[in-house]
């Protein structure tokens, strides 16, 4: 028989406070903070976390792809790294280099 394996149950949730994705959240936050006003940038990036866990993760799991299967602790740390990145992008990077355009 061909049994479907529940990838999420086999691996478990990501409980880490920081991992490789933390660096990605930080750099993405820097880019958003540079190109978008801080408040809308934070709202978009913070809303991505529940979207990732509640929508993208189950959708990817249907195809056997492990993505976004993380605990609340990891999601909150991702939002923290987003906020730090936005802060760096909005105030430090913008002061050093003017953005080529500004979205909001």
N, C-alpha and C. Protein backbone atom coordinates (compact mmCIF):
# COMPACT_ATOMS: atom_id res chain seq x y z
N UNK A 1 0.82 -1.19 0.00
CA UNK A 1 0.00 0.00 0.00
C UNK A 1 0.86 1.26 0.00
N UNK A 2 0.32 2.30 -0.55
CA UNK A 2 1.02 3.57 -0.62
C UNK A 2 0.43 4.51 0.43
N UNK A 3 1.09 4.62 1.59
CA UNK A 3 0.60 5.45 2.68
C UNK A 3 1.16 6.86 2.57
N UNK A 4 0.30 7.82 2.82
CA UNK A 4 0.74 9.21 2.82
C UNK A 4 1.34 9.54 4.18
N UNK A 5 2.53 10.09 4.19
CA UNK A 5 3.23 10.41 5.43
C UNK A 5 2.92 11.84 5.83
N UNK A 6 2.56 12.04 7.09
CA UNK A 6 2.34 13.39 7.61
C UNK A 6 3.71 13.98 7.95
N UNK A 7 4.20 14.84 7.08
CA UNK A 7 5.55 15.41 7.22
C UNK A 7 5.66 16.20 8.51
N UNK A 8 4.63 16.96 8.84
CA UNK A 8 4.68 17.80 10.04
C UNK A 8 4.78 16.96 11.31
N UNK A 9 4.03 15.88 11.38
CA UNK A 9 4.07 15.03 12.57
C UNK A 9 5.42 14.34 12.70
N UNK A 10 6.04 14.03 11.58
CA UNK A 10 7.33 13.34 11.60
C UNK A 10 8.46 14.26 12.07
N UNK A 11 8.37 15.53 11.76
CA UNK A 11 9.46 16.45 12.05
C UNK A 11 9.24 17.22 13.34
N UNK A 12 8.05 17.68 13.59
CA UNK A 12 7.77 18.50 14.77
C UNK A 12 7.88 19.97 14.44
N UNK A 13 7.35 20.77 15.33
CA UNK A 13 7.36 22.22 15.11
C UNK A 13 8.74 22.82 15.39
N UNK A 14 8.99 23.95 14.78
CA UNK A 14 10.23 24.70 14.99
C UNK A 14 10.03 25.61 16.19
N UNK A 15 10.68 25.29 17.31
CA UNK A 15 10.55 26.08 18.54
C UNK A 15 11.71 27.05 18.75
N UNK A 16 12.66 27.08 17.84
CA UNK A 16 13.87 27.88 18.04
C UNK A 16 13.56 29.37 18.06
N UNK A 17 14.29 30.10 18.90
CA UNK A 17 14.14 31.56 18.93
C UNK A 17 14.81 32.20 17.72
N UNK A 18 15.88 31.61 17.25
CA UNK A 18 16.53 32.11 16.04
C UNK A 18 17.11 30.94 15.26
N UNK A 19 17.13 31.12 13.96
CA UNK A 19 17.66 30.11 13.05
C UNK A 19 18.05 30.84 11.76
N UNK A 20 18.30 30.11 10.71
CA UNK A 20 18.68 30.73 9.44
C UNK A 20 17.58 31.68 8.95
N UNK A 21 16.33 31.34 9.20
CA UNK A 21 15.23 32.19 8.77
C UNK A 21 15.24 33.52 9.50
N UNK A 22 15.82 33.59 10.68
CA UNK A 22 15.92 34.86 11.40
C UNK A 22 16.73 35.87 10.60
N UNK A 23 17.80 35.41 10.00
CA UNK A 23 18.62 36.28 9.15
C UNK A 23 17.83 36.75 7.93
N UNK A 24 17.03 35.87 7.38
CA UNK A 24 16.20 36.24 6.23
C UNK A 24 15.15 37.27 6.63
N UNK A 25 14.54 37.07 7.80
CA UNK A 25 13.56 38.04 8.29
C UNK A 25 14.23 39.39 8.55
N UNK A 26 15.43 39.38 9.10
CA UNK A 26 16.16 40.61 9.37
C UNK A 26 16.45 41.36 8.07
N UNK A 27 17.00 40.68 7.09
CA UNK A 27 17.37 41.35 5.83
C UNK A 27 16.13 41.79 5.04
N UNK A 28 15.07 41.00 5.09
CA UNK A 28 13.82 41.41 4.43
C UNK A 28 13.25 42.64 5.13
N UNK A 29 13.33 42.66 6.45
CA UNK A 29 12.88 43.82 7.21
C UNK A 29 13.67 45.07 6.86
N UNK A 30 14.97 44.91 6.68
CA UNK A 30 15.80 46.06 6.28
C UNK A 30 15.32 46.60 4.93
N UNK A 31 15.08 45.71 3.99
CA UNK A 31 14.59 46.13 2.67
C UNK A 31 13.23 46.80 2.74
N UNK A 32 12.31 46.21 3.50
CA UNK A 32 10.99 46.81 3.67
C UNK A 32 11.09 48.16 4.36
N UNK A 33 11.89 48.25 5.41
CA UNK A 33 12.04 49.50 6.13
C UNK A 33 12.66 50.59 5.28
N UNK A 34 13.45 50.21 4.31
CA UNK A 34 14.09 51.16 3.42
C UNK A 34 13.11 51.67 2.36
N UNK A 35 12.21 50.78 1.91
CA UNK A 35 11.32 51.12 0.80
C UNK A 35 9.90 51.47 1.20
N UNK A 36 9.52 51.13 2.44
CA UNK A 36 8.14 51.33 2.90
C UNK A 36 8.20 52.04 4.25
N UNK A 37 7.21 52.86 4.54
CA UNK A 37 7.13 53.50 5.85
C UNK A 37 7.09 52.42 6.94
N UNK A 38 7.66 52.71 8.10
CA UNK A 38 7.80 51.68 9.13
C UNK A 38 6.50 50.99 9.58
N UNK A 39 5.43 51.74 9.79
CA UNK A 39 4.20 51.13 10.30
C UNK A 39 3.57 50.17 9.28
N UNK A 40 3.36 50.58 8.02
CA UNK A 40 2.82 49.62 7.06
C UNK A 40 3.77 48.42 6.84
N UNK A 41 5.07 48.66 6.86
CA UNK A 41 6.02 47.57 6.68
C UNK A 41 5.87 46.56 7.81
N UNK A 42 5.75 47.06 9.05
CA UNK A 42 5.59 46.15 10.19
C UNK A 42 4.27 45.39 10.12
N UNK A 43 3.20 46.06 9.75
CA UNK A 43 1.89 45.40 9.66
C UNK A 43 1.94 44.27 8.64
N UNK A 44 2.48 44.53 7.46
CA UNK A 44 2.56 43.50 6.41
C UNK A 44 3.41 42.33 6.88
N UNK A 45 4.57 42.62 7.46
CA UNK A 45 5.47 41.54 7.86
C UNK A 45 4.92 40.76 9.06
N UNK A 46 4.25 41.43 9.97
CA UNK A 46 3.67 40.74 11.12
C UNK A 46 2.48 39.87 10.70
N UNK A 47 1.68 40.35 9.76
CA UNK A 47 0.54 39.57 9.28
C UNK A 47 0.97 38.37 8.44
N UNK A 48 2.18 38.41 7.91
CA UNK A 48 2.67 37.28 7.13
C UNK A 48 2.80 36.03 8.00
N UNK A 49 3.16 36.19 9.27
CA UNK A 49 3.40 35.03 10.15
C UNK A 49 2.17 34.15 10.30
N UNK A 50 0.99 34.69 10.68
CA UNK A 50 -0.16 33.79 10.75
C UNK A 50 -0.56 33.25 9.38
N UNK A 51 -0.38 34.04 8.32
CA UNK A 51 -0.66 33.56 6.97
C UNK A 51 0.24 32.37 6.63
N UNK A 52 1.50 32.46 7.01
CA UNK A 52 2.45 31.37 6.75
C UNK A 52 2.02 30.10 7.48
N UNK A 53 1.66 30.23 8.75
CA UNK A 53 1.33 29.06 9.57
C UNK A 53 -0.05 28.49 9.23
N UNK A 54 -1.02 29.37 9.01
CA UNK A 54 -2.40 28.91 8.83
C UNK A 54 -2.78 28.60 7.39
N UNK A 55 -2.11 29.21 6.42
CA UNK A 55 -2.48 29.01 5.02
C UNK A 55 -1.37 28.31 4.22
N UNK A 56 -0.18 28.89 4.21
CA UNK A 56 0.90 28.33 3.39
C UNK A 56 1.36 26.96 3.87
N UNK A 57 1.50 26.79 5.17
CA UNK A 57 1.98 25.52 5.71
C UNK A 57 1.06 24.35 5.34
N UNK A 58 -0.27 24.46 5.58
CA UNK A 58 -1.14 23.35 5.18
C UNK A 58 -1.17 23.13 3.67
N UNK A 59 -1.09 24.20 2.92
CA UNK A 59 -1.10 24.07 1.46
C UNK A 59 0.15 23.33 0.98
N UNK A 60 1.30 23.71 1.49
CA UNK A 60 2.55 23.03 1.11
C UNK A 60 2.58 21.59 1.59
N UNK A 61 1.99 21.33 2.77
CA UNK A 61 1.97 19.96 3.31
C UNK A 61 1.21 19.01 2.40
N UNK A 62 0.23 19.52 1.69
CA UNK A 62 -0.51 18.68 0.73
C UNK A 62 0.39 18.10 -0.35
N UNK A 63 1.47 18.82 -0.63
CA UNK A 63 2.41 18.38 -1.66
C UNK A 63 3.68 17.78 -1.05
N UNK A 64 3.65 17.52 0.25
CA UNK A 64 4.79 16.92 0.93
C UNK A 64 5.93 17.88 1.21
N UNK A 65 5.64 19.18 1.17
CA UNK A 65 6.66 20.20 1.41
C UNK A 65 6.53 20.70 2.84
N UNK A 66 7.62 20.63 3.59
CA UNK A 66 7.63 21.13 4.96
C UNK A 66 7.99 22.61 4.94
N UNK A 67 7.02 23.47 5.24
CA UNK A 67 7.26 24.91 5.21
C UNK A 67 6.34 25.58 6.22
N UNK A 68 6.88 26.48 7.01
CA UNK A 68 6.08 27.29 7.90
C UNK A 68 5.49 26.54 9.08
N UNK A 69 6.01 25.37 9.38
CA UNK A 69 5.48 24.60 10.50
C UNK A 69 6.26 24.98 11.73
N UNK A 70 5.83 26.06 12.38
CA UNK A 70 6.58 26.61 13.50
C UNK A 70 5.67 26.90 14.67
N UNK A 71 6.26 26.94 15.84
CA UNK A 71 5.53 27.24 17.06
C UNK A 71 5.35 28.75 17.20
N UNK A 72 4.47 29.13 18.11
CA UNK A 72 4.22 30.55 18.36
C UNK A 72 5.52 31.25 18.76
N UNK A 73 6.33 30.58 19.55
CA UNK A 73 7.62 31.14 19.99
C UNK A 73 8.48 31.55 18.79
N UNK A 74 8.56 30.68 17.79
CA UNK A 74 9.36 30.98 16.60
C UNK A 74 8.73 32.09 15.77
N UNK A 75 7.41 32.07 15.65
CA UNK A 75 6.71 33.13 14.90
C UNK A 75 6.94 34.50 15.54
N UNK A 76 6.88 34.54 16.87
CA UNK A 76 7.10 35.81 17.56
C UNK A 76 8.53 36.29 17.41
N UNK A 77 9.48 35.37 17.42
CA UNK A 77 10.88 35.79 17.22
C UNK A 77 11.09 36.27 15.79
N UNK A 78 10.38 35.66 14.82
CA UNK A 78 10.46 36.14 13.44
C UNK A 78 9.95 37.58 13.35
N UNK A 79 8.85 37.87 14.04
CA UNK A 79 8.30 39.23 14.05
C UNK A 79 9.29 40.19 14.72
N UNK A 80 9.97 39.74 15.76
CA UNK A 80 10.99 40.57 16.41
C UNK A 80 12.10 40.91 15.43
N UNK A 81 12.61 39.90 14.68
CA UNK A 81 13.67 40.16 13.70
C UNK A 81 13.17 41.04 12.57
N UNK A 82 11.89 40.90 12.19
CA UNK A 82 11.30 41.80 11.20
C UNK A 82 11.36 43.25 11.70
N UNK A 83 10.95 43.45 12.96
CA UNK A 83 10.92 44.80 13.53
C UNK A 83 12.32 45.40 13.62
N UNK A 84 13.30 44.60 14.02
CA UNK A 84 14.68 45.10 14.08
C UNK A 84 15.16 45.48 12.69
N UNK A 85 14.86 44.64 11.71
CA UNK A 85 15.24 44.95 10.33
C UNK A 85 14.58 46.20 9.81
N UNK A 86 13.29 46.35 10.09
CA UNK A 86 12.57 47.55 9.65
C UNK A 86 13.19 48.79 10.29
N UNK A 87 13.53 48.69 11.56
CA UNK A 87 14.16 49.82 12.25
C UNK A 87 15.49 50.19 11.60
N UNK A 88 16.31 49.20 11.31
CA UNK A 88 17.60 49.46 10.65
C UNK A 88 17.39 50.07 9.28
N UNK A 89 16.45 49.50 8.51
CA UNK A 89 16.20 50.01 7.16
C UNK A 89 15.63 51.40 7.13
N UNK A 90 14.68 51.66 8.04
CA UNK A 90 13.98 52.95 8.02
C UNK A 90 14.85 54.09 8.51
N UNK A 91 15.65 53.84 9.52
CA UNK A 91 16.39 54.97 10.09
C UNK A 91 17.88 54.95 9.76
N UNK A 92 18.51 53.82 9.78
CA UNK A 92 19.95 53.79 9.52
C UNK A 92 20.25 53.77 8.02
N UNK A 93 19.68 52.81 7.31
CA UNK A 93 19.97 52.70 5.88
C UNK A 93 19.45 53.90 5.10
N UNK A 94 18.25 54.37 5.45
CA UNK A 94 17.69 55.54 4.76
C UNK A 94 18.55 56.78 4.98
N UNK A 95 19.15 56.90 6.17
CA UNK A 95 20.03 58.04 6.44
C UNK A 95 21.32 57.95 5.64
N UNK A 96 21.76 56.73 5.35
CA UNK A 96 23.01 56.54 4.60
C UNK A 96 22.81 56.60 3.09
N UNK A 97 21.71 55.97 2.62
CA UNK A 97 21.44 55.88 1.18
C UNK A 97 19.96 56.13 0.95
N UNK A 98 19.64 57.09 0.13
CA UNK A 98 18.25 57.37 -0.19
C UNK A 98 17.66 56.21 -1.00
N UNK A 99 16.45 55.76 -0.66
CA UNK A 99 15.84 54.67 -1.43
C UNK A 99 15.51 55.13 -2.84
N UNK A 100 15.54 54.22 -3.83
CA UNK A 100 15.25 54.61 -5.20
C UNK A 100 13.78 54.99 -5.39
N UNK A 101 12.90 54.46 -4.53
CA UNK A 101 11.49 54.79 -4.54
C UNK A 101 10.94 54.47 -3.16
N UNK A 102 9.74 54.98 -2.87
CA UNK A 102 9.10 54.71 -1.57
C UNK A 102 7.67 54.28 -1.85
N UNK A 103 7.30 53.10 -1.35
CA UNK A 103 5.98 52.56 -1.67
C UNK A 103 4.84 53.21 -0.91
N UNK A 104 4.99 53.45 0.36
CA UNK A 104 3.90 54.05 1.16
C UNK A 104 4.44 55.23 1.93
